[in-house]
């Protein structure tokens, strides 16, 4: 994306309703904060997240039940 294309988008944002502009500002601020974070995933971690998400969608993975989580916390002494 060129700077001119980005400017066109940002100019359009200024025509949006105030609430929508606030949403856009919040998202952009969060992106900026993420870039400044010392915590980042490696490429292999990003791949692993993608694989696990795909497995979940395909039904090969599932969320733990409340009971399973309670048992885990109990086992950990929490």
PDB file of N, CA and C in Angstrom:
ATOM      1  N   UNK A   1       0.850  -1.175   0.000  1.00  0.00           N
ATOM      2  CA  UNK A   1       0.000   0.000   0.000  1.00  0.00           C
ATOM      3  C   UNK A   1       0.893   1.234   0.000  1.00  0.00           C
ATOM      4  N   UNK A   2       0.554   2.173  -0.834  1.00  0.00           N
ATOM      5  CA  UNK A   2       1.351   3.398  -0.922  1.00  0.00           C
ATOM      6  C   UNK A   2       0.902   4.395   0.147  1.00  0.00           C
ATOM      7  N   UNK A   3       1.731   5.380   0.386  1.00  0.00           N
ATOM      8  CA  UNK A   3       1.369   6.434   1.336  1.00  0.00           C
ATOM      9  C   UNK A   3       0.121   7.172   0.865  1.00  0.00           C
ATOM     10  N   UNK A   4       0.004   7.350  -0.439  1.00  0.00           N
ATOM     11  CA  UNK A   4      -1.173   8.050  -0.980  1.00  0.00           C
ATOM     12  C   UNK A   4      -2.446   7.234  -0.730  1.00  0.00           C
ATOM     13  N   UNK A   5      -2.374   5.926  -0.919  1.00  0.00           N
ATOM     14  CA  UNK A   5      -3.536   5.069  -0.648  1.00  0.00           C
ATOM     15  C   UNK A   5      -3.906   5.123   0.830  1.00  0.00           C
ATOM     16  N   UNK A   6      -2.909   5.120   1.681  1.00  0.00           N
ATOM     17  CA  UNK A   6      -3.169   5.202   3.113  1.00  0.00           C
ATOM     18  C   UNK A   6      -3.806   6.536   3.472  1.00  0.00           C
ATOM     19  N   UNK A   7      -3.313   7.607   2.879  1.00  0.00           N
ATOM     20  CA  UNK A   7      -3.884   8.925   3.141  1.00  0.00           C
ATOM     21  C   UNK A   7      -5.339   8.979   2.694  1.00  0.00           C
ATOM     22  N   UNK A   8      -5.656   8.371   1.557  1.00  0.00           N
ATOM     23  CA  UNK A   8      -7.043   8.350   1.081  1.00  0.00           C
ATOM     24  C   UNK A   8      -7.953   7.637   2.076  1.00  0.00           C
ATOM     25  N   UNK A   9      -7.472   6.528   2.613  1.00  0.00           N
ATOM     26  CA  UNK A   9      -8.269   5.792   3.599  1.00  0.00           C
ATOM     27  C   UNK A   9      -8.469   6.632   4.856  1.00  0.00           C
ATOM     28  N   UNK A  10      -7.387   7.230   5.344  1.00  0.00           N
ATOM     29  CA  UNK A  10      -7.499   8.037   6.552  1.00  0.00           C
ATOM     30  C   UNK A  10      -8.390   9.252   6.340  1.00  0.00           C
ATOM     31  N   UNK A  11      -8.363   9.834   5.156  1.00  0.00           N
ATOM     32  CA  UNK A  11      -9.266  10.943   4.841  1.00  0.00           C
ATOM     33  C   UNK A  11     -10.723  10.481   4.890  1.00  0.00           C
ATOM     34  N   UNK A  12     -10.989   9.273   4.391  1.00  0.00           N
ATOM     35  CA  UNK A  12     -12.359   8.742   4.449  1.00  0.00           C
ATOM     36  C   UNK A  12     -12.792   8.489   5.886  1.00  0.00           C
ATOM     37  N   UNK A  13     -11.856   8.025   6.709  1.00  0.00           N
ATOM     38  CA  UNK A  13     -12.176   7.774   8.117  1.00  0.00           C
ATOM     39  C   UNK A  13     -12.709   9.047   8.774  1.00  0.00           C
ATOM     40  N   UNK A  14     -12.173  10.175   8.398  1.00  0.00           N
ATOM     41  CA  UNK A  14     -12.615  11.442   8.972  1.00  0.00           C
ATOM     42  C   UNK A  14     -14.062  11.780   8.611  1.00  0.00           C
ATOM     43  N   UNK A  15     -14.627  11.082   7.639  1.00  0.00           N
ATOM     44  CA  UNK A  15     -16.030  11.317   7.270  1.00  0.00           C
ATOM     45  C   UNK A  15     -16.973  10.355   8.005  1.00  0.00           C
ATOM     46  N   UNK A  16     -16.427   9.395   8.711  1.00  0.00           N
ATOM     47  CA  UNK A  16     -17.239   8.407   9.425  1.00  0.00           C
ATOM     48  C   UNK A  16     -17.892   9.038  10.653  1.00  0.00           C
ATOM     49  N   UNK A  17     -18.927   8.389  11.165  1.00  0.00           N
ATOM     50  CA  UNK A  17     -19.532   8.871  12.418  1.00  0.00           C
ATOM     51  C   UNK A  17     -18.495   8.841  13.550  1.00  0.00           C
ATOM     52  N   UNK A  18     -18.639   9.738  14.525  1.00  0.00           N
ATOM     53  CA  UNK A  18     -17.659   9.831  15.607  1.00  0.00           C
ATOM     54  C   UNK A  18     -17.357   8.498  16.301  1.00  0.00           C
ATOM     55  N   UNK A  19     -18.363   7.691  16.579  1.00  0.00           N
ATOM     56  CA  UNK A  19     -18.138   6.420  17.270  1.00  0.00           C
ATOM     57  C   UNK A  19     -17.245   5.507  16.431  1.00  0.00           C
ATOM     58  N   UNK A  20     -17.491   5.493  15.138  1.00  0.00           N
ATOM     59  CA  UNK A  20     -16.692   4.648  14.246  1.00  0.00           C
ATOM     60  C   UNK A  20     -15.254   5.153  14.175  1.00  0.00           C
ATOM     61  N   UNK A  21     -15.071   6.487  14.195  1.00  0.00           N
ATOM     62  CA  UNK A  21     -13.726   7.059  14.207  1.00  0.00           C
ATOM     63  C   UNK A  21     -12.992   6.656  15.485  1.00  0.00           C
ATOM     64  N   UNK A  22     -13.719   6.645  16.620  1.00  0.00           N
ATOM     65  CA  UNK A  22     -13.120   6.223  17.885  1.00  0.00           C
ATOM     66  C   UNK A  22     -12.663   4.770  17.789  1.00  0.00           C
ATOM     67  N   UNK A  23     -13.493   3.925  17.159  1.00  0.00           N
ATOM     68  CA  UNK A  23     -13.123   2.526  16.976  1.00  0.00           C
ATOM     69  C   UNK A  23     -11.832   2.409  16.171  1.00  0.00           C
ATOM     70  N   UNK A  24     -11.754   3.167  15.086  1.00  0.00           N
ATOM     71  CA  UNK A  24     -10.565   3.123  14.223  1.00  0.00           C
ATOM     72  C   UNK A  24      -9.327   3.593  14.994  1.00  0.00           C
ATOM     73  N   UNK A  25      -9.477   4.663  15.757  1.00  0.00           N
ATOM     74  CA  UNK A  25      -8.351   5.187  16.536  1.00  0.00           C
ATOM     75  C   UNK A  25      -7.898   4.168  17.577  1.00  0.00           C
ATOM     76  N   UNK A  26      -8.851   3.485  18.218  1.00  0.00           N
ATOM     77  CA  UNK A  26      -8.519   2.476  19.229  1.00  0.00           C
ATOM     78  C   UNK A  26      -7.737   1.322  18.602  1.00  0.00           C
ATOM     79  N   UNK A  27      -8.215   0.848  17.436  1.00  0.00           N
ATOM     80  CA  UNK A  27      -7.535  -0.268  16.768  1.00  0.00           C
ATOM     81  C   UNK A  27      -6.122   0.130  16.364  1.00  0.00           C
ATOM     82  N   UNK A  28      -5.977   1.302  15.794  1.00  0.00           N
ATOM     83  CA  UNK A  28      -4.650   1.755  15.380  1.00  0.00           C
ATOM     84  C   UNK A  28      -3.730   1.949  16.581  1.00  0.00           C
ATOM     85  N   UNK A  29      -4.260   2.462  17.681  1.00  0.00           N
ATOM     86  CA  UNK A  29      -3.453   2.631  18.893  1.00  0.00           C
ATOM     87  C   UNK A  29      -3.002   1.282  19.434  1.00  0.00           C
ATOM     88  N   UNK A  30      -3.894   0.300  19.415  1.00  0.00           N
ATOM     89  CA  UNK A  30      -3.537  -1.036  19.887  1.00  0.00           C
ATOM     90  C   UNK A  30      -2.461  -1.662  19.000  1.00  0.00           C
ATOM     91  N   UNK A  31      -2.553  -1.437  17.695  1.00  0.00           N
ATOM     92  CA  UNK A  31      -1.521  -1.947  16.786  1.00  0.00           C
ATOM     93  C   UNK A  31      -0.176  -1.309  17.109  1.00  0.00           C
ATOM     94  N   UNK A  32      -0.198  -0.020  17.383  1.00  0.00           N
ATOM     95  CA  UNK A  32       1.033   0.689  17.721  1.00  0.00           C
ATOM     96  C   UNK A  32       1.642   0.128  19.008  1.00  0.00           C
ATOM     97  N   UNK A  33       0.783  -0.135  20.015  1.00  0.00           N
ATOM     98  CA  UNK A  33       1.259  -0.710  21.270  1.00  0.00           C
ATOM     99  C   UNK A  33       1.855  -2.093  21.050  1.00  0.00           C
ATOM    100  N   UNK A  34       1.226  -2.893  20.199  1.00  0.00           N
ATOM    101  CA  UNK A  34       1.741  -4.229  19.917  1.00  0.00           C
ATOM    102  C   UNK A  34       3.132  -4.149  19.298  1.00  0.00           C
ATOM    103  N   UNK A  35       3.327  -3.204  18.414  1.00  0.00           N
ATOM    104  CA  UNK A  35       4.638  -3.060  17.780  1.00  0.00           C
ATOM    105  C   UNK A  35       5.719  -2.693  18.789  1.00  0.00           C
ATOM    106  N   UNK A  36       5.332  -2.019  19.859  1.00  0.00           N
ATOM    107  CA  UNK A  36       6.294  -1.595  20.873  1.00  0.00           C
ATOM    108  C   UNK A  36       6.511  -2.674  21.936  1.00  0.00           C
ATOM    109  N   UNK A  37       5.705  -3.714  21.915  1.00  0.00           N
ATOM    110  CA  UNK A  37       5.790  -4.759  22.933  1.00  0.00           C
ATOM    111  C   UNK A  37       7.057  -5.597  22.755  1.00  0.00           C
ATOM    112  N   UNK A  38       7.688  -5.955  23.871  1.00  0.00           N
ATOM    113  CA  UNK A  38       8.859  -6.835  23.778  1.00  0.00           C
ATOM    114  C   UNK A  38       8.458  -8.287  23.538  1.00  0.00           C
ATOM    115  N   UNK A  39       7.161  -8.573  23.629  1.00  0.00           N
ATOM    116  CA  UNK A  39       6.672  -9.939  23.472  1.00  0.00           C
ATOM    117  C   UNK A  39       6.181 -10.155  22.044  1.00  0.00           C
ATOM    118  N   UNK A  40       6.855 -11.020  21.321  1.00  0.00           N
ATOM    119  CA  UNK A  40       6.457 -11.332  19.955  1.00  0.00           C
ATOM    120  C   UNK A  40       6.582 -12.831  19.735  1.00  0.00           C
ATOM    121  N   UNK A  41       5.808 -13.332  18.804  1.00  0.00           N
ATOM    122  CA  UNK A  41       5.894 -14.740  18.445  1.00  0.00           C
ATOM    123  C   UNK A  41       6.946 -14.929  17.360  1.00  0.00           C
ATOM    124  N   UNK A  42       7.632 -16.062  17.426  1.00  0.00           N
ATOM    125  CA  UNK A  42       8.549 -16.403  16.351  1.00  0.00           C
ATOM    126  C   UNK A  42       7.723 -16.891  15.160  1.00  0.00           C
ATOM    127  N   UNK A  43       8.353 -17.006  14.020  1.00  0.00           N
ATOM    128  CA  UNK A  43       7.646 -17.507  12.842  1.00  0.00           C
ATOM    129  C   UNK A  43       7.091 -18.903  13.091  1.00  0.00           C
ATOM    130  N   UNK A  44       7.849 -19.746  13.776  1.00  0.00           N
ATOM    131  CA  UNK A  44       7.364 -21.106  14.037  1.00  0.00           C
ATOM    132  C   UNK A  44       6.186 -21.094  15.009  1.00  0.00           C
ATOM    133  N   UNK A  45       6.184 -20.160  15.954  1.00  0.00           N
ATOM    134  CA  UNK A  45       5.041 -20.050  16.860  1.00  0.00           C
ATOM    135  C   UNK A  45       3.794 -19.581  16.116  1.00  0.00           C
ATOM    136  N   UNK A  46       3.964 -18.642  15.204  1.00  0.00           N
ATOM    137  CA  UNK A  46       2.837 -18.179  14.393  1.00  0.00           C
ATOM    138  C   UNK A  46       2.276 -19.340  13.573  1.00  0.00           C
ATOM    139  N   UNK A  47       3.160 -20.149  12.997  1.00  0.00           N
ATOM    140  CA  UNK A  47       2.721 -21.324  12.236  1.00  0.00           C
ATOM    141  C   UNK A  47       1.958 -22.299  13.126  1.00  0.00           C
ATOM    142  N   UNK A  48       2.450 -22.505  14.335  1.00  0.00           N
ATOM    143  CA  UNK A  48       1.796 -23.421  15.270  1.00  0.00           C
ATOM    144  C   UNK A  48       0.399 -22.920  15.642  1.00  0.00           C
ATOM    145  N   UNK A  49       0.262 -21.639  15.874  1.00  0.00           N
ATOM    146  CA  UNK A  49      -1.055 -21.061  16.169  1.00  0.00           C
ATOM    147  C   UNK A  49      -1.991 -21.303  14.991  1.00  0.00           C
ATOM    148  N   UNK A  50      -1.514 -21.071  13.788  1.00  0.00           N
ATOM    149  CA  UNK A  50      -2.330 -21.309  12.591  1.00  0.00           C
ATOM    150  C   UNK A  50      -2.748 -22.760  12.463  1.00  0.00           C
ATOM    151  N   UNK A  51      -1.809 -23.672  12.739  1.00  0.00           N
ATOM    152  CA  UNK A  51      -2.127 -25.096  12.659  1.00  0.00           C
ATOM    153  C   UNK A  51      -3.182 -25.476  13.683  1.00  0.00           C
ATOM    154  N   UNK A  52      -3.006 -24.994  14.905  1.00  0.00           N
ATOM    155  CA  UNK A  52      -3.964 -25.327  15.959  1.00  0.00           C
ATOM    156  C   UNK A  52      -5.343 -24.745  15.671  1.00  0.00           C
ATOM    157  N   UNK A  53      -5.383 -23.538  15.144  1.00  0.00           N
ATOM    158  CA  UNK A  53      -6.684 -22.942  14.785  1.00  0.00           C
ATOM    159  C   UNK A  53      -7.361 -23.765  13.700  1.00  0.00           C
ATOM    160  N   UNK A  54      -6.591 -24.193  12.706  1.00  0.00           N
ATOM    161  CA  UNK A  54      -7.150 -25.014  11.635  1.00  0.00           C
ATOM    162  C   UNK A  54      -7.648 -26.347  12.189  1.00  0.00           C
ATOM    163  N   UNK A  55      -6.890 -26.952  13.109  1.00  0.00           N
ATOM    164  CA  UNK A  55      -7.314 -28.206  13.730  1.00  0.00           C
ATOM    165  C   UNK A  55      -8.611 -28.014  14.509  1.00  0.00           C
ATOM    166  N   UNK A  56      -8.735 -26.881  15.186  1.00  0.00           N
ATOM    167  CA  UNK A  56      -9.958 -26.601  15.945  1.00  0.00           C
ATOM    168  C   UNK A  56     -11.158 -26.490  14.999  1.00  0.00           C
ATOM    169  N   UNK A  57     -10.973 -25.743  13.929  1.00  0.00           N
ATOM    170  CA  UNK A  57     -12.057 -25.566  12.951  1.00  0.00           C
ATOM    171  C   UNK A  57     -12.444 -26.908  12.332  1.00  0.00           C
ATOM    172  N   UNK A  58     -11.451 -27.772  12.104  1.00  0.00           N
ATOM    173  CA  UNK A  58     -11.706 -29.076  11.483  1.00  0.00           C
ATOM    174  C   UNK A  58     -12.223 -30.107  12.490  1.00  0.00           C
ATOM    175  N   UNK A  59     -12.318 -29.723  13.762  1.00  0.00           N
ATOM    176  CA  UNK A  59     -12.830 -30.645  14.766  1.00  0.00           C
ATOM    177  C   UNK A  59     -11.793 -31.575  15.351  1.00  0.00           C
ATOM    178  N   UNK A  60     -10.510 -31.342  15.060  1.00  0.00           N
ATOM    179  CA  UNK A  60      -9.452 -32.203  15.593  1.00  0.00           C
ATOM    180  C   UNK A  60      -8.968 -31.733  16.965  1.00  0.00           C
ATOM    181  N   UNK A  61      -9.381 -30.543  17.385  1.00  0.00           N
ATOM    182  CA  UNK A  61      -9.063 -30.020  18.712  1.00  0.00           C
ATOM    183  C   UNK A  61     -10.340 -29.454  19.299  1.00  0.00           C
ATOM    184  N   UNK A  62     -10.376 -29.317  20.622  1.00  0.00           N
ATOM    185  CA  UNK A  62     -11.557 -28.768  21.277  1.00  0.00           C
ATOM    186  C   UNK A  62     -11.118 -27.986  22.505  1.00  0.00           C
ATOM    187  N   UNK A  63     -12.041 -27.168  22.996  1.00  0.00           N
ATOM    188  CA  UNK A  63     -11.794 -26.462  24.242  1.00  0.00           C
ATOM    189  C   UNK A  63     -11.914 -27.433  25.401  1.00  0.00           C
ATOM    190  N   UNK A  64     -11.164 -27.185  26.466  1.00  0.00           N
ATOM    191  CA  UNK A  64     -11.324 -27.965  27.685  1.00  0.00           C
ATOM    192  C   UNK A  64     -12.652 -27.582  28.318  1.00  0.00           C
ATOM    193  N   UNK A  65     -13.298 -28.555  28.942  1.00  0.00           N
ATOM    194  CA  UNK A  65     -14.557 -28.277  29.647  1.00  0.00           C
ATOM    195  C   UNK A  65     -14.256 -27.551  30.948  1.00  0.00           C
ATOM    196  N   UNK A  66     -15.285 -26.966  31.547  1.00  0.00           N
ATOM    197  CA  UNK A  66     -15.117 -26.318  32.849  1.00  0.00           C
ATOM    198  C   UNK A  66     -14.609 -27.327  33.876  1.00  0.00           C
ATOM    199  N   UNK A  67     -15.117 -28.536  33.802  1.00  0.00           N
ATOM    200  CA  UNK A  67     -14.694 -29.572  34.746  1.00  0.00           C
ATOM    201  C   UNK A  67     -13.213 -29.929  34.566  1.00  0.00           C
ATOM    202  N   UNK A  68     -12.776 -30.034  33.321  1.00  0.00           N
ATOM    203  CA  UNK A  68     -11.372 -30.329  33.048  1.00  0.00           C
ATOM    204  C   UNK A  68     -10.467 -29.213  33.563  1.00  0.00           C
ATOM    205  N   UNK A  69     -10.893 -27.974  33.365  1.00  0.00           N
ATOM    206  CA  UNK A  69     -10.094 -26.841  33.841  1.00  0.00           C
ATOM    207  C   UNK A  69     -10.056 -26.808  35.365  1.00  0.00           C
ATOM    208  N   UNK A  70     -11.197 -27.079  36.012  1.00  0.00           N
ATOM    209  CA  UNK A  70     -11.227 -27.095  37.479  1.00  0.00           C
ATOM    210  C   UNK A  70     -10.275 -28.159  38.014  1.00  0.00           C
ATOM    211  N   UNK A  71     -10.257 -29.330  37.374  1.00  0.00           N
ATOM    212  CA  UNK A  71      -9.357 -30.403  37.800  1.00  0.00           C
ATOM    213  C   UNK A  71      -7.896 -29.986  37.623  1.00  0.00           C
ATOM    214  N   UNK A  72      -7.593 -29.297  36.523  1.00  0.00           N
ATOM    215  CA  UNK A  72      -6.229 -28.831  36.300  1.00  0.00           C
ATOM    216  C   UNK A  72      -5.810 -27.833  37.355  1.00  0.00           C
ATOM    217  N   UNK A  73      -6.670 -26.844  37.626  1.00  0.00           N
ATOM    218  CA  UNK A  73      -6.342 -25.834  38.644  1.00  0.00           C
ATOM    219  C   UNK A  73      -6.147 -26.491  40.009  1.00  0.00           C
ATOM    220  N   UNK A  74      -6.990 -27.460  40.315  1.00  0.00           N
ATOM    221  CA  UNK A  74      -6.870 -28.170  41.594  1.00  0.00           C
ATOM    222  C   UNK A  74      -5.530 -28.919  41.665  1.00  0.00           C
ATOM    223  N   UNK A  75      -5.174 -29.571  40.572  1.00  0.00           N
ATOM    224  CA  UNK A  75      -3.910 -30.303  40.505  1.00  0.00           C
ATOM    225  C   UNK A  75      -2.717 -29.364  40.701  1.00  0.00           C
ATOM    226  N   UNK A  76      -2.859 -28.138  40.203  1.00  0.00           N
ATOM    227  CA  UNK A  76      -1.790 -27.141  40.330  1.00  0.00           C
ATOM    228  C   UNK A  76      -1.814 -26.435  41.685  1.00  0.00           C
ATOM    229  N   UNK A  77      -2.794 -26.771  42.521  1.00  0.00           N
ATOM    230  CA  UNK A  77      -2.892 -26.155  43.843  1.00  0.00           C
ATOM    231  C   UNK A  77      -3.530 -24.783  43.831  1.00  0.00           C
ATOM    232  N   UNK A  78      -4.280 -24.500  42.789  1.00  0.00           N
ATOM    233  CA  UNK A  78      -4.934 -23.174  42.696  1.00  0.00           C
ATOM    234  C   UNK A  78      -6.423 -23.289  42.879  1.00  0.00           C
TER     235      UNK A  78
END
